Amino acid sequence: MRHLRGSEDEIAFYFGRANYYDAVDFDDSVYRTYERLLDDTAPIAPYELVLIDEYQDFNQMEAWCYRIARSQQSYSCCRR
């Protein structure tokens, strides 16, 4: 998913098959979460604590998911 390249038809076919077979890999789940966060303006349910381990290993899309979610809530942030 991180390196998915192709025409719009090919990408639509890829997601259509993934949906049909209910087959989603890790990168697909991150991409779908990112798209949902961008498309859905409803607020995210509040959480008392969000713990992110190994943030330095996040890719850019994972980091954006966190940033979008954080912009909707007032989480405190601490680094250790």
Protein backbone atom coordinates (compact mmCIF):
# COMPACT_ATOMS: atom_id res chain seq x y z
CA MET A 1 0.00 0.00 0.00
CA ARG A 2 2.80 2.44 0.74
CA HIS A 3 4.07 2.05 -2.79
CA LEU A 4 0.80 1.43 -4.63
CA ARG A 5 1.10 2.95 -8.06
CA GLY A 6 -1.25 2.67 -10.97
CA SER A 7 -4.09 4.32 -12.80
CA GLU A 8 -7.24 5.30 -10.95
CA ASP A 9 -8.96 2.27 -12.49
CA GLU A 10 -6.22 -0.08 -11.27
CA ILE A 11 -6.32 1.37 -7.75
CA ALA A 12 -10.14 1.16 -7.70
CA PHE A 13 -9.85 -2.48 -8.82
CA TYR A 14 -7.34 -3.17 -6.02
CA PHE A 15 -9.64 -1.73 -3.34
CA GLY A 16 -12.69 -3.38 -4.88
CA ARG A 17 -11.03 -6.80 -4.65
CA ALA A 18 -9.78 -6.12 -1.14
CA ASN A 19 -13.32 -5.16 -0.08
CA TYR A 20 -14.88 -8.14 -1.86
CA TYR A 21 -12.55 -10.64 -0.17
CA ASP A 22 -12.56 -8.70 3.10
CA ALA A 23 -8.78 -8.69 2.87
CA VAL A 24 -6.98 -5.74 4.40
CA ASP A 25 -3.31 -5.72 5.29
CA PHE A 26 -1.65 -3.41 7.80
CA ASP A 27 -0.80 -0.66 5.31
CA ASP A 28 -4.35 -0.79 3.91
CA SER A 29 -5.76 -0.30 7.39
CA VAL A 30 -3.57 2.77 7.96
CA TYR A 31 -4.54 4.22 4.58
CA ARG A 32 -8.25 3.57 5.16
CA THR A 33 -8.04 5.16 8.62
CA TYR A 34 -6.30 8.21 7.14
CA GLU A 35 -8.94 8.55 4.40
CA ARG A 36 -11.76 8.17 6.92
CA LEU A 37 -10.28 10.82 9.20
CA LEU A 38 -10.06 13.23 6.27
CA ASP A 39 -13.54 12.48 4.91
CA ASP A 40 -15.53 12.20 8.12
CA THR A 41 -15.87 15.48 9.99
CA ALA A 42 -17.66 13.91 12.96
CA PRO A 43 -15.61 14.25 16.14
CA ILE A 44 -13.68 11.25 17.36
CA ALA A 45 -14.85 9.81 20.66
CA PRO A 46 -12.68 11.16 23.48
CA TYR A 47 -10.11 9.00 25.20
CA GLU A 48 -8.54 9.70 28.53
CA LEU A 49 -5.12 8.56 27.35
CA VAL A 50 -3.51 7.76 24.03
CA LEU A 51 -0.19 5.98 24.30
CA ILE A 52 2.03 5.81 21.27
CA ASP A 53 5.05 3.57 21.51
CA GLU A 54 7.91 3.78 19.01
CA TYR A 55 6.66 6.99 17.37
CA GLN A 56 10.03 7.33 15.66
CA ASP A 57 9.08 4.27 13.58
CA PHE A 58 5.85 5.81 12.26
CA ASN A 59 5.63 6.48 8.56
CA GLN A 60 4.26 9.80 7.35
CA MET A 61 0.69 8.55 6.92
CA GLU A 62 0.60 7.08 10.43
CA ALA A 63 1.88 10.37 11.82
CA TRP A 64 -0.83 12.29 9.96
CA CYS A 65 -3.51 9.98 11.42
CA TYR A 66 -2.26 10.91 14.88
CA ARG A 67 -2.12 14.63 14.03
CA ILE A 68 -5.68 14.64 12.67
CA ALA A 69 -7.01 12.79 15.70
CA ARG A 70 -5.07 15.03 18.06
CA SER A 71 -6.43 18.17 16.39
CA GLN A 72 -9.94 17.03 17.33
CA GLN A 73 -9.12 16.30 20.96
CA SER A 74 -7.06 17.95 23.65
CA TYR A 75 -4.60 15.22 24.57
CA SER A 76 -1.67 16.06 26.73
CA CYS A 77 1.64 15.17 25.22
CA CYS A 78 4.71 14.07 27.05
CA ARG A 79 7.98 12.66 25.75
CA ARG A 80 10.26 10.29 27.54
